Protein backbone atom coordinates (compact mmCIF):
# COMPACT_ATOMS: atom_id res chain seq x y z
CA UNK A 1 22.66 7.38 40.27
CA UNK A 2 20.55 4.65 42.32
CA UNK A 3 19.45 2.27 39.47
CA UNK A 4 22.76 2.34 38.09
CA UNK A 5 24.37 1.18 41.46
CA UNK A 6 21.76 -1.81 41.48
CA UNK A 7 21.88 -2.45 38.13
CA UNK A 8 26.34 -3.53 39.03
CA UNK A 9 24.81 -4.78 41.78
CA UNK A 10 22.68 -7.05 39.83
CA UNK A 11 25.21 -7.91 37.42
CA UNK A 12 27.81 -8.92 39.44
CA UNK A 13 25.46 -11.49 41.45
CA UNK A 14 24.17 -14.78 40.79
CA UNK A 15 27.08 -15.88 38.12
CA UNK A 16 26.97 -12.06 37.01
CA UNK A 17 23.89 -13.87 35.05
CA UNK A 18 24.35 -16.96 32.68
CA UNK A 19 23.21 -17.20 29.34
CA UNK A 20 22.64 -20.76 28.66
CA UNK A 21 22.33 -21.26 24.88
CA UNK A 22 19.77 -24.74 24.63
CA UNK A 23 20.32 -25.54 20.92
CA UNK A 24 16.95 -26.94 19.55
CA UNK A 25 12.75 -26.03 20.72
CA UNK A 26 12.52 -25.93 24.34
CA UNK A 27 9.43 -28.03 26.02
CA UNK A 28 6.32 -26.02 25.40
CA UNK A 29 5.00 -27.32 29.23
CA UNK A 30 7.62 -25.14 30.34
CA UNK A 31 5.61 -21.58 29.20
CA UNK A 32 2.43 -22.48 30.08
CA UNK A 33 0.98 -18.73 28.46
CA UNK A 34 1.88 -17.57 25.37
CA UNK A 35 5.64 -17.14 24.60
CA UNK A 36 8.50 -17.08 21.88
CA UNK A 37 9.94 -20.81 21.27
CA UNK A 38 12.73 -20.27 23.54
CA UNK A 39 16.33 -20.93 22.39
CA UNK A 40 18.11 -19.45 24.97
CA UNK A 41 17.10 -19.16 28.58
CA UNK A 42 19.16 -16.44 30.53
CA UNK A 43 18.96 -18.03 33.83
CA UNK A 44 20.19 -16.01 36.67
CA UNK A 45 20.68 -16.60 40.75
CA UNK A 46 19.15 -13.15 43.53
CA UNK A 47 21.33 -11.36 45.51
CA UNK A 48 20.74 -11.54 49.22
CA UNK A 49 17.77 -9.72 50.02
CA UNK A 50 16.42 -9.36 46.19
CA UNK A 51 12.00 -10.81 46.05
CA UNK A 52 10.59 -10.26 42.31
CA UNK A 53 10.31 -7.50 41.90
CA UNK A 54 13.82 -6.13 42.67
CA UNK A 55 14.99 -9.10 40.81
CA UNK A 56 13.13 -7.86 38.33
CA UNK A 57 13.78 -4.27 38.26
CA UNK A 58 17.80 -5.32 37.33
CA UNK A 59 16.79 -6.77 33.89
CA UNK A 60 14.08 -3.24 33.53
CA UNK A 61 11.22 -5.42 33.28
CA UNK A 62 9.38 -5.25 36.65
CA UNK A 63 5.86 -4.50 35.28
CA UNK A 64 3.60 -6.24 36.95
CA UNK A 65 3.37 -8.23 33.61
CA UNK A 66 6.56 -9.03 33.53
CA UNK A 67 6.14 -9.91 37.69
CA UNK A 68 3.27 -12.38 36.51
CA UNK A 69 5.35 -13.80 33.05
CA UNK A 70 8.27 -15.43 35.42
CA UNK A 71 6.04 -16.32 38.23
CA UNK A 72 4.51 -18.70 35.28
CA UNK A 73 8.58 -19.13 34.44
CA UNK A 74 10.20 -20.19 37.49
CA UNK A 75 5.79 -22.03 38.90
CA UNK A 76 8.32 -25.21 39.34
CA UNK A 77 10.10 -23.58 41.83
CA UNK A 78 8.55 -20.87 43.72
CA UNK A 79 6.44 -21.84 46.75
CA UNK A 80 3.74 -20.13 47.63
CA UNK A 81 5.54 -17.52 49.31
CA UNK A 82 6.87 -16.87 46.22
CA UNK A 83 10.26 -15.65 48.50
CA UNK A 84 13.49 -16.68 46.54
CA UNK A 85 16.53 -18.82 47.36
CA UNK A 86 20.26 -17.66 47.69
CA UNK A 87 21.94 -21.24 45.84
CA UNK A 88 18.17 -21.55 43.52
CA UNK A 89 18.79 -20.58 39.73
CA UNK A 90 15.51 -18.57 37.98
CA UNK A 91 15.05 -18.40 34.03
CA UNK A 92 14.47 -14.43 33.40
CA UNK A 93 11.50 -13.46 31.33
CA UNK A 94 13.32 -12.92 28.01
CA UNK A 95 15.81 -15.00 25.88
CA UNK A 96 19.28 -15.21 24.58
CA UNK A 97 19.77 -15.26 21.04
CA UNK A 98 22.35 -15.21 18.08
CA UNK A 99 22.13 -13.07 15.00
CA UNK A 100 22.04 -15.45 12.21
CA UNK A 101 21.92 -12.39 9.62
CA UNK A 102 21.44 -9.49 11.12
CA UNK A 103 19.11 -7.63 13.91
CA UNK A 104 15.95 -6.78 12.14
CA UNK A 105 15.64 -11.00 11.22
CA UNK A 106 16.23 -11.67 14.59
CA UNK A 107 13.53 -9.58 15.28
CA UNK A 108 10.89 -10.67 12.64
CA UNK A 109 12.20 -14.25 13.65
CA UNK A 110 10.76 -13.58 16.66
CA UNK A 111 7.31 -11.69 15.85
CA UNK A 112 8.58 -8.53 17.07
CA UNK A 113 8.25 -5.47 14.57
CA UNK A 114 11.31 -3.93 13.26
CA UNK A 115 9.86 -0.53 14.79
CA UNK A 116 11.20 -1.96 17.89
CA UNK A 117 14.84 -2.29 17.42
CA UNK A 118 16.10 1.04 18.95
CA UNK A 119 14.21 -0.36 21.52
CA UNK A 120 16.23 -3.70 22.24
CA UNK A 121 19.11 -2.11 21.40
CA UNK A 122 18.92 0.59 24.17
CA UNK A 123 17.54 -2.25 27.00
CA UNK A 124 20.86 -4.70 26.48
CA UNK A 125 22.80 -1.88 26.35
CA UNK A 126 21.55 -1.05 29.46
CA UNK A 127 20.81 -4.61 30.69
CA UNK A 128 23.16 -7.11 28.64
CA UNK A 129 26.39 -7.39 30.41
CA UNK A 130 27.80 -9.18 27.19
CA UNK A 131 26.32 -7.15 24.59
CA UNK A 132 28.15 -5.13 22.27
CA UNK A 133 26.74 -3.93 19.72
CA UNK A 134 27.50 0.20 18.84
CA UNK A 135 25.07 0.03 15.73
CA UNK A 136 22.46 -2.46 15.55
CA UNK A 137 22.19 -1.39 12.03
CA UNK A 138 25.75 -2.68 10.90
CA UNK A 139 26.72 -5.86 13.82
CA UNK A 140 28.19 -9.84 12.92
CA UNK A 141 26.59 -12.85 12.93
CA UNK A 142 26.33 -15.09 16.44
CA UNK A 143 26.51 -11.88 18.40
CA UNK A 144 24.39 -12.98 21.62
CA UNK A 145 20.50 -10.97 22.15
CA UNK A 146 18.57 -10.47 24.92
CA UNK A 147 15.27 -10.26 23.72
CA UNK A 148 12.27 -9.15 26.19
CA UNK A 149 9.22 -11.86 26.52
CA UNK A 150 6.44 -10.38 24.30
CA UNK A 151 4.64 -10.68 27.57
CA UNK A 152 6.53 -8.73 29.70
CA UNK A 153 4.44 -5.90 28.93
CA UNK A 154 7.73 -4.41 26.99
CA UNK A 155 6.17 -3.73 23.63
CA UNK A 156 3.87 -2.35 25.40
CA UNK A 157 2.48 0.91 23.55
CA UNK A 158 2.04 4.17 25.49
CA UNK A 159 -1.91 3.79 25.39
CA UNK A 160 -1.72 0.53 26.97
CA UNK A 161 0.95 1.61 29.21
CA UNK A 162 -1.81 4.40 30.67
CA UNK A 163 -4.86 1.56 30.80
CA UNK A 164 -2.25 -0.31 33.25
CA UNK A 165 -1.58 2.21 35.27
CA UNK A 166 -5.28 3.62 35.55
CA UNK A 167 -6.50 -0.32 36.57
CA UNK A 168 -3.56 -0.57 39.51
CA UNK A 169 -4.01 3.41 40.49
CA UNK A 170 -1.06 2.91 42.50
CA UNK A 171 -0.09 5.15 45.23
CA UNK A 172 -3.15 7.71 44.64
CA UNK A 173 -4.57 8.13 48.13
CA UNK A 174 -8.17 8.79 49.26
CA UNK A 175 -10.03 10.93 49.04
CA UNK A 176 -7.87 11.71 45.10
CA UNK A 177 -8.26 7.77 44.23
CA UNK A 178 -11.83 7.84 44.46
CA UNK A 179 -12.94 11.51 42.29
CA UNK A 180 -10.39 9.19 40.02
CA UNK A 181 -13.33 6.17 40.68
CA UNK A 182 -15.93 8.44 39.87
CA UNK A 183 -15.11 9.71 36.98
CA UNK A 184 -14.78 6.53 35.07
CA UNK A 185 -16.81 5.49 32.41
CA UNK A 186 -18.96 2.09 31.42
CA UNK A 187 -18.79 1.18 34.74
CA UNK A 188 -21.03 -2.23 36.14
CA UNK A 189 -23.80 -2.86 38.06
CA UNK A 190 -23.38 -5.06 40.72
CA UNK A 191 -23.52 -2.98 43.91
CA UNK A 192 -25.54 -0.17 42.26
CA UNK A 193 -27.80 1.98 45.38
CA UNK A 194 -25.48 0.05 47.76
CA UNK A 195 -23.84 2.44 50.56
CA UNK A 196 -20.50 1.29 51.67
CA UNK A 197 -18.33 2.38 54.64
CA UNK A 198 -15.53 0.50 55.15
CA UNK A 199 -13.07 1.19 58.63
CA UNK A 200 -9.49 -0.74 58.22
CA UNK A 201 -8.67 -2.05 61.42
CA UNK A 202 -6.68 0.32 63.92
CA UNK A 203 -4.43 3.03 62.03
CA UNK A 204 -2.46 6.27 63.46
CA UNK A 205 -0.29 4.99 66.35
CA UNK A 206 -1.73 2.02 66.50
CA UNK A 207 -0.94 -1.08 64.42
CA UNK A 208 -1.91 -3.43 65.36
CA UNK A 209 -1.22 -6.67 64.88
CA UNK A 210 2.44 -6.48 63.89
CA UNK A 211 4.39 -10.36 63.57
CA UNK A 212 7.62 -10.82 62.39
CA UNK A 213 7.67 -12.68 59.28
CA UNK A 214 10.51 -14.30 57.09
CA UNK A 215 11.93 -13.46 54.44
CA UNK A 216 13.42 -16.01 51.39
CA UNK A 217 16.40 -14.98 53.27
CA UNK A 218 15.40 -16.12 56.45
CA UNK A 219 15.35 -12.40 57.60
CA UNK A 220 13.17 -11.13 60.63
CA UNK A 221 10.87 -8.21 58.75
CA UNK A 222 7.81 -6.37 60.53
CA UNK A 223 4.14 -6.57 58.91
CA UNK A 224 1.78 -4.39 59.98
CA UNK A 225 -2.26 -5.08 60.63
CA UNK A 226 -2.86 -2.03 59.99
CA UNK A 227 -1.12 -1.08 56.86
CA UNK A 228 -2.03 -4.19 55.49
CA UNK A 229 -6.07 -3.85 55.78
CA UNK A 230 -5.52 -0.09 55.29
CA UNK A 231 -4.23 -1.31 51.59
CA UNK A 232 -7.15 -4.04 51.43
CA UNK A 233 -9.91 -1.27 51.99
CA UNK A 234 -8.63 1.23 48.92
CA UNK A 235 -8.95 -2.34 46.63
CA UNK A 236 -12.41 -3.37 48.34
CA UNK A 237 -13.43 0.77 47.50
CA UNK A 238 -11.81 0.43 43.57
CA UNK A 239 -13.77 -3.00 42.95
CA UNK A 240 -16.93 -1.32 44.81
CA UNK A 241 -17.03 1.79 42.95
CA UNK A 242 -16.21 0.15 39.24
CA UNK A 243 -19.18 -1.18 40.04
CA UNK A 244 -21.78 1.64 41.18
CA UNK A 245 -21.68 1.56 44.89
CA UNK A 246 -21.24 4.48 47.43
CA UNK A 247 -17.85 3.78 49.31
CA UNK A 248 -16.32 5.65 52.09
CA UNK A 249 -13.48 4.98 55.00
CA UNK A 250 -13.65 5.79 58.06
CA UNK A 251 -10.02 7.25 58.51
CA UNK A 252 -7.14 7.14 55.69
CA UNK A 253 -3.86 8.33 55.25
CA UNK A 254 -3.71 11.65 53.22
CA UNK A 255 0.17 10.45 51.72
CA UNK A 256 -0.33 6.66 50.80
CA UNK A 257 -2.70 5.17 48.47
CA UNK A 258 -2.26 1.60 47.15
CA UNK A 259 0.66 0.04 47.86
CA UNK A 260 2.14 -1.21 44.61
CA UNK A 261 4.48 -3.83 43.29
CA UNK A 262 7.59 -2.94 43.85
CA UNK A 263 8.11 -3.76 47.81
CA UNK A 264 6.85 -0.40 49.75
CA UNK A 265 5.78 -1.70 52.77
CA UNK A 266 5.90 0.76 55.71
CA UNK A 267 5.10 -0.40 59.17
CA UNK A 268 2.46 2.24 59.96
CA UNK A 269 0.11 4.37 58.62
CA UNK A 270 1.72 7.78 57.71
CA UNK A 271 -0.53 10.49 57.58
CA UNK A 272 -3.34 9.08 59.12
CA UNK A 273 -6.85 11.03 59.55
CA UNK A 274 -10.42 10.75 60.18
CA UNK A 275 -12.40 11.17 57.34
CA UNK A 276 -14.17 13.89 59.23
CA UNK A 277 -15.25 17.39 57.76
CA UNK A 278 -14.79 21.10 58.96
CA UNK A 279 -15.41 20.91 62.08
CA UNK A 280 -13.84 17.46 64.05
CA UNK A 281 -10.34 17.22 64.11
CA UNK A 282 -8.76 14.93 61.88
CA UNK A 283 -5.63 13.41 63.20
CA UNK A 284 -6.20 9.54 64.51
CA UNK A 285 -2.84 9.70 65.96
CA UNK A 286 -3.67 11.26 69.87
CA UNK A 287 -6.84 9.12 70.09
CA UNK A 288 -6.69 6.18 72.41
CA UNK A 289 -8.20 2.65 71.07
CA UNK A 290 -11.57 3.73 73.19
CA UNK A 291 -11.69 7.10 71.81
CA UNK A 292 -10.94 5.89 68.53
CA UNK A 293 -14.01 3.46 68.33
CA UNK A 294 -16.81 6.45 69.22
CA UNK A 295 -15.05 8.42 66.87
CA UNK A 296 -15.56 5.51 64.17
CA UNK A 297 -19.05 5.51 64.70
CA UNK A 298 -19.95 8.95 64.78
CA UNK A 299 -18.05 9.24 61.49
CA UNK A 300 -20.45 6.24 60.44
CA UNK A 301 -23.57 8.11 62.45
CA UNK A 302 -22.34 11.38 59.97
CA UNK A 303 -22.36 9.70 56.95
CA UNK A 304 -25.59 8.60 57.65
CA UNK A 305 -27.19 11.49 57.73
CA UNK A 306 -25.14 14.04 55.97
CA UNK A 307 -25.55 11.68 52.90
CA UNK A 308 -29.17 10.67 53.55
CA UNK A 309 -28.02 7.25 52.80
CA UNK A 310 -30.69 4.34 53.34
CA UNK A 311 -30.18 2.64 55.97
CA UNK A 312 -31.32 -0.72 54.54
CA UNK A 313 -29.04 -0.45 51.33
CA UNK A 314 -26.30 1.44 53.72
CA UNK A 315 -23.24 -1.95 55.26
CA UNK A 316 -20.10 -1.11 57.55
CA UNK A 317 -17.99 -3.43 57.33
CA UNK A 318 -14.36 -3.34 59.79
CA UNK A 319 -11.73 -5.25 58.08
CA UNK A 320 -9.25 -6.47 60.33
CA UNK A 321 -6.48 -8.85 60.32
CA UNK A 322 -6.61 -11.63 62.98
CA UNK A 323 -3.86 -12.26 65.58
CA UNK A 324 -4.12 -15.91 66.64
CA UNK A 325 -1.27 -19.20 68.17
CA UNK A 326 0.58 -19.14 65.29
CA UNK A 327 -0.06 -23.08 64.51
CA UNK A 328 -3.41 -21.58 64.28
CA UNK A 329 -4.68 -21.50 60.30
CA UNK A 330 -8.60 -20.16 60.94
CA UNK A 331 -11.07 -19.63 58.28
CA UNK A 332 -12.06 -16.09 57.97
CA UNK A 333 -14.57 -14.54 60.67
CA UNK A 334 -17.63 -12.36 60.24
CA UNK A 335 -18.88 -11.02 63.72
CA UNK A 336 -21.62 -9.04 64.68
CA UNK A 337 -23.70 -7.64 67.15
CA UNK A 338 -26.61 -8.93 69.02
CA UNK A 339 -29.37 -7.23 66.72
CA UNK A 340 -31.82 -9.07 64.26
CA UNK A 341 -31.19 -6.94 60.73
CA UNK A 342 -27.34 -7.23 61.56
CA UNK A 343 -28.09 -11.02 62.25
CA UNK A 344 -29.77 -11.00 59.02
CA UNK A 345 -27.09 -9.98 57.08
CA UNK A 346 -23.88 -10.70 58.59
CA UNK A 347 -24.86 -14.36 58.43
CA UNK A 348 -25.92 -13.86 54.47
CA UNK A 349 -22.02 -11.84 54.40
CA UNK A 350 -19.85 -14.80 56.39
CA UNK A 351 -21.74 -17.44 54.33
CA UNK A 352 -21.13 -15.81 51.08
CA UNK A 353 -18.02 -15.51 52.19
CA UNK A 354 -17.46 -18.63 53.32
CA UNK A 355 -16.39 -17.49 56.21
CA UNK A 356 -17.53 -18.08 59.93
CA UNK A 357 -19.72 -16.05 61.59
CA UNK A 358 -19.64 -15.59 65.22
CA UNK A 359 -21.93 -12.71 67.71
CA UNK A 360 -19.90 -10.84 69.76
CA UNK A 361 -20.19 -7.19 71.02
CA UNK A 362 -16.99 -5.94 69.63
CA UNK A 363 -16.43 -1.87 70.15
CA UNK A 364 -16.49 -0.55 67.01
CA UNK A 365 -20.46 -2.54 66.21
CA UNK A 366 -21.94 -1.95 69.88
CA UNK A 367 -22.87 1.94 69.53
CA UNK A 368 -22.87 1.92 65.40
CA UNK A 369 -25.96 3.52 64.12
CA UNK A 370 -25.83 1.29 60.60
CA UNK A 371 -28.16 -1.51 61.46
CA UNK A 372 -25.91 -3.90 58.57
CA UNK A 373 -22.77 -3.71 60.59
CA UNK A 374 -19.70 -6.25 60.66
CA UNK A 375 -16.24 -6.82 61.64
CA UNK A 376 -14.49 -9.17 59.45
CA UNK A 377 -11.10 -10.99 60.35
CA UNK A 378 -10.14 -12.13 57.09
CA UNK A 379 -6.34 -14.42 58.11
CA UNK A 380 -3.74 -14.86 60.72
CA UNK A 381 -1.13 -13.08 60.50
CA UNK A 382 0.26 -14.46 63.63
CA UNK A 383 1.42 -16.92 61.18
CA UNK A 384 4.59 -15.74 60.11
CA UNK A 385 4.93 -17.10 57.07
CA UNK A 386 1.54 -16.11 56.17
CA UNK A 387 2.25 -12.80 57.51
CA UNK A 388 4.88 -12.94 54.68
CA UNK A 389 2.81 -13.44 51.70
CA UNK A 390 0.14 -10.53 53.38
CA UNK A 391 3.23 -8.22 51.40
CA UNK A 392 2.82 -9.68 48.45
CA UNK A 393 -0.51 -7.05 46.77
CA UNK A 394 -1.54 -9.69 44.62
CA UNK A 395 -2.69 -11.43 48.07
CA UNK A 396 -4.26 -8.71 49.27
CA UNK A 397 -5.94 -7.91 45.98
CA UNK A 398 -7.69 -11.63 46.69
CA UNK A 399 -8.82 -10.95 49.92
CA UNK A 400 -10.26 -7.54 48.34
CA UNK A 401 -11.93 -9.68 45.54
CA UNK A 402 -13.55 -11.77 48.39
CA UNK A 403 -14.94 -9.20 50.03
CA UNK A 404 -16.12 -7.34 47.52
CA UNK A 405 -18.01 -11.11 46.20
CA UNK A 406 -19.25 -11.62 49.61
CA UNK A 407 -21.06 -8.25 49.05
CA UNK A 408 -22.38 -9.05 45.81
CA UNK A 409 -23.83 -12.02 46.70
CA UNK A 410 -25.65 -10.52 49.71
CA UNK A 411 -27.10 -7.67 47.58
CA UNK A 412 -28.76 -9.86 45.35
CA UNK A 413 -29.98 -11.89 47.53
CA UNK A 414 -31.89 -8.65 48.67
CA UNK A 415 -30.20 -8.79 52.22
CA UNK A 416 -28.74 -5.39 51.21
């Protein structure tokens, strides 16, 4: 019911999805990735509150690959925030093409195998407002059909869709995500023998920085630091475990995993619990800040002793976002305590990430039993434009990859 209601709203607004037929070939430069030769483009204007994901949901092409094609097609008019403007028309990742002889001939001309006839017919009946074909085997020439771009994932086999789901692993909370990653085959070797204890900053009833960002409609939305760094930590865990690192989180949500492309973005980390075994109190929300910092140090110590981790091959990384004056755009910063060993690790890690290193006895580092420890500040969230960008999962994945690259380079140097 909800999907059908959104479809009606989608079709009602934005010029009711205007399909403009342009005879002749489209300019090749307009489509940077492999695509059909365009004869007719389908353009639309977003509704109030639409982002890319919601816009594409209205035509059933909101998978990650469909979003990627949309971004390529509209690269000239999308800004860095990838917000949509109500006054702007956007090209959808599909084509409006007339039937000249029959349906199968049209599909064949677009290199679409005949086996997709029923899928394309069903797609048009659901999403194309001007589609009047009842039987795809008996059609009159001239009728307009929408054909999804080949790169949107619309034509993927069930096996390919399962592979994409495995790659994204959205929504699977820790430790189920960790178990799934441990069972994966053909993992790399870049962090083999390395143990990482990742500490997502804040959590529980402490949201960290909560700047007010402006979306593409200039409406205020809240972005929580705790949610961002929890997501980045899970993404970093995924990357590191695929290179055979042993990874632990100091705390985690029992119900929220990696946030996917559908724009779900809570304002706090739900059901947040400490990573403590039997006999401990897992409820992070009852702790004040000082007690929470001490608990994270105890968790790190317990993991080192209980798992018999090699301290020379173990790193503790607390992940945060900065909250500075909005006009400041600092580079990434790596903080460490004043000991020779953790300074050596932090120096190399910061250099490999292109970050500034700072010496400061921050709470979660002062009594930490892991000598290779640091706290990383990734971005200045007080900038409303930048905090809005962080709602984009690709931006959080980029931050996780930067952390991963820094760890891999540090390990190659023999410092970790």
